Amino acid sequence: MRSTEAEHDENFLKVLDRILEINLKLKWDKCKFKVKEVGYVGYLLTAEGLKPDPEK
């Protein structure tokens, strides 16, 4: 089942609420939300999959 962006946003807000409820500490400067790709340990994670990070 494919969810819509609105459903994703609703679930995301529930996760953030839970994070605040249990006082989980995040490094907000390291958090990225609603981006097309994310770099992680020398790779880029995109909608198309995992690929090597060209900047590494």
N, C-alpha and C. Protein backbone atom coordinates (compact mmCIF):
# COMPACT_ATOMS: atom_id res chain seq x y z
N MET A 1 0.84 -1.17 0.00
CA MET A 1 0.00 0.00 0.00
C MET A 1 0.89 1.24 0.00
N ARG A 2 0.64 2.15 -0.90
CA ARG A 2 1.44 3.36 -1.00
C ARG A 2 0.72 4.49 -0.27
N SER A 3 1.42 5.15 0.64
CA SER A 3 0.79 6.23 1.39
C SER A 3 1.02 7.56 0.69
N THR A 4 0.18 8.50 1.00
CA THR A 4 0.30 9.83 0.41
C THR A 4 1.27 10.67 1.23
N GLU A 5 1.65 11.80 0.68
CA GLU A 5 2.53 12.70 1.41
C GLU A 5 1.84 13.20 2.68
N ALA A 6 0.54 13.44 2.61
CA ALA A 6 -0.20 13.90 3.79
C ALA A 6 -0.18 12.84 4.89
N GLU A 7 -0.35 11.57 4.51
CA GLU A 7 -0.29 10.49 5.50
C GLU A 7 1.11 10.39 6.09
N HIS A 8 2.11 10.55 5.24
CA HIS A 8 3.49 10.52 5.71
C HIS A 8 3.72 11.64 6.72
N ASP A 9 3.26 12.84 6.39
CA ASP A 9 3.44 13.98 7.29
C ASP A 9 2.74 13.75 8.63
N GLU A 10 1.54 13.18 8.58
CA GLU A 10 0.79 12.89 9.80
C GLU A 10 1.55 11.89 10.67
N ASN A 11 2.06 10.84 10.08
CA ASN A 11 2.85 9.85 10.82
C ASN A 11 4.14 10.45 11.36
N PHE A 12 4.76 11.29 10.56
CA PHE A 12 6.00 11.95 10.98
C PHE A 12 5.76 12.82 12.21
N LEU A 13 4.65 13.55 12.22
CA LEU A 13 4.33 14.38 13.38
C LEU A 13 4.07 13.53 14.63
N LYS A 14 3.48 12.37 14.45
CA LYS A 14 3.27 11.45 15.58
C LYS A 14 4.62 11.00 16.14
N VAL A 15 5.56 10.72 15.26
CA VAL A 15 6.90 10.31 15.71
C VAL A 15 7.57 11.45 16.47
N LEU A 16 7.48 12.66 15.94
CA LEU A 16 8.08 13.81 16.63
C LEU A 16 7.42 14.04 17.99
N ASP A 17 6.10 13.90 18.06
CA ASP A 17 5.41 14.03 19.35
C ASP A 17 5.92 13.00 20.34
N ARG A 18 6.10 11.78 19.89
CA ARG A 18 6.59 10.71 20.77
C ARG A 18 8.02 11.00 21.23
N ILE A 19 8.84 11.51 20.34
CA ILE A 19 10.21 11.89 20.70
C ILE A 19 10.19 12.91 21.83
N LEU A 20 9.31 13.91 21.73
CA LEU A 20 9.20 14.92 22.78
C LEU A 20 8.64 14.33 24.08
N GLU A 21 7.66 13.44 23.96
CA GLU A 21 7.05 12.80 25.13
C GLU A 21 8.06 12.08 25.99
N ILE A 22 8.96 11.35 25.36
CA ILE A 22 9.91 10.53 26.12
C ILE A 22 11.25 11.24 26.33
N ASN A 23 11.29 12.52 25.96
CA ASN A 23 12.50 13.33 26.14
C ASN A 23 13.72 12.75 25.45
N LEU A 24 13.50 12.16 24.29
CA LEU A 24 14.62 11.66 23.50
C LEU A 24 15.39 12.85 22.96
N LYS A 25 16.68 12.82 23.10
CA LYS A 25 17.52 13.94 22.65
C LYS A 25 18.04 13.67 21.25
N LEU A 26 17.82 14.61 20.37
CA LEU A 26 18.33 14.52 19.00
C LEU A 26 19.27 15.68 18.75
N LYS A 27 20.20 15.49 17.86
CA LYS A 27 21.05 16.59 17.41
C LYS A 27 20.33 17.20 16.21
N TRP A 28 19.49 18.21 16.49
CA TRP A 28 18.63 18.77 15.46
C TRP A 28 19.42 19.33 14.28
N ASP A 29 20.65 19.78 14.53
CA ASP A 29 21.46 20.30 13.42
C ASP A 29 21.88 19.18 12.46
N LYS A 30 21.80 17.94 12.92
CA LYS A 30 22.14 16.81 12.05
C LYS A 30 20.90 16.19 11.39
N CYS A 31 19.72 16.62 11.80
CA CYS A 31 18.48 16.07 11.25
C CYS A 31 18.13 16.73 9.92
N LYS A 32 17.63 15.94 9.01
CA LYS A 32 17.19 16.44 7.70
C LYS A 32 15.80 15.90 7.44
N PHE A 33 14.92 16.77 7.01
CA PHE A 33 13.54 16.38 6.76
C PHE A 33 13.12 16.81 5.37
N LYS A 34 12.36 15.97 4.70
CA LYS A 34 11.79 16.26 3.39
C LYS A 34 12.85 16.66 2.36
N VAL A 35 13.90 15.87 2.28
CA VAL A 35 14.95 16.12 1.30
C VAL A 35 14.90 15.01 0.24
N LYS A 36 15.44 15.29 -0.93
CA LYS A 36 15.42 14.32 -2.03
C LYS A 36 16.48 13.23 -1.87
N GLU A 37 17.58 13.56 -1.19
CA GLU A 37 18.63 12.57 -0.97
C GLU A 37 19.36 12.88 0.33
N VAL A 38 19.93 11.82 0.91
CA VAL A 38 20.64 11.94 2.19
C VAL A 38 21.96 11.22 2.06
N GLY A 39 23.03 11.90 2.46
CA GLY A 39 24.34 11.28 2.48
C GLY A 39 24.53 10.49 3.76
N TYR A 40 25.12 9.29 3.63
CA TYR A 40 25.37 8.45 4.81
C TYR A 40 26.54 7.53 4.51
N VAL A 41 27.55 7.59 5.33
CA VAL A 41 28.77 6.79 5.26
C VAL A 41 29.27 6.57 3.83
N GLY A 42 29.41 7.67 3.09
CA GLY A 42 29.98 7.58 1.75
C GLY A 42 29.01 7.24 0.64
N TYR A 43 27.73 7.19 0.95
CA TYR A 43 26.70 6.88 -0.04
C TYR A 43 25.61 7.93 -0.02
N LEU A 44 24.87 8.00 -1.10
CA LEU A 44 23.67 8.82 -1.16
C LEU A 44 22.46 7.90 -1.23
N LEU A 45 21.52 8.13 -0.35
CA LEU A 45 20.26 7.39 -0.36
C LEU A 45 19.23 8.26 -1.07
N THR A 46 18.71 7.78 -2.20
CA THR A 46 17.75 8.53 -2.99
C THR A 46 16.52 7.66 -3.25
N ALA A 47 15.53 8.24 -3.92
CA ALA A 47 14.33 7.48 -4.29
C ALA A 47 14.70 6.34 -5.23
N GLU A 48 15.77 6.50 -5.98
CA GLU A 48 16.21 5.47 -6.93
C GLU A 48 17.04 4.38 -6.25
N GLY A 49 17.46 4.62 -5.03
CA GLY A 49 18.25 3.63 -4.31
C GLY A 49 19.53 4.22 -3.75
N LEU A 50 20.47 3.36 -3.45
CA LEU A 50 21.75 3.73 -2.86
C LEU A 50 22.80 3.85 -3.95
N LYS A 51 23.58 4.95 -3.90
CA LYS A 51 24.66 5.12 -4.86
C LYS A 51 25.84 5.78 -4.16
N PRO A 52 27.05 5.59 -4.67
CA PRO A 52 28.23 6.20 -4.06
C PRO A 52 28.12 7.73 -4.07
N ASP A 53 28.57 8.35 -3.00
CA ASP A 53 28.57 9.80 -2.91
C ASP A 53 29.72 10.34 -3.75
N PRO A 54 29.45 11.12 -4.79
CA PRO A 54 30.52 11.62 -5.66
C PRO A 54 31.49 12.57 -4.95
N GLU A 55 31.09 13.13 -3.80
CA GLU A 55 31.97 14.03 -3.06
C GLU A 55 32.94 13.29 -2.15
N LYS A 56 32.83 11.99 -2.07
CA LYS A 56 33.71 11.20 -1.19
C LYS A 56 34.80 10.53 -1.99
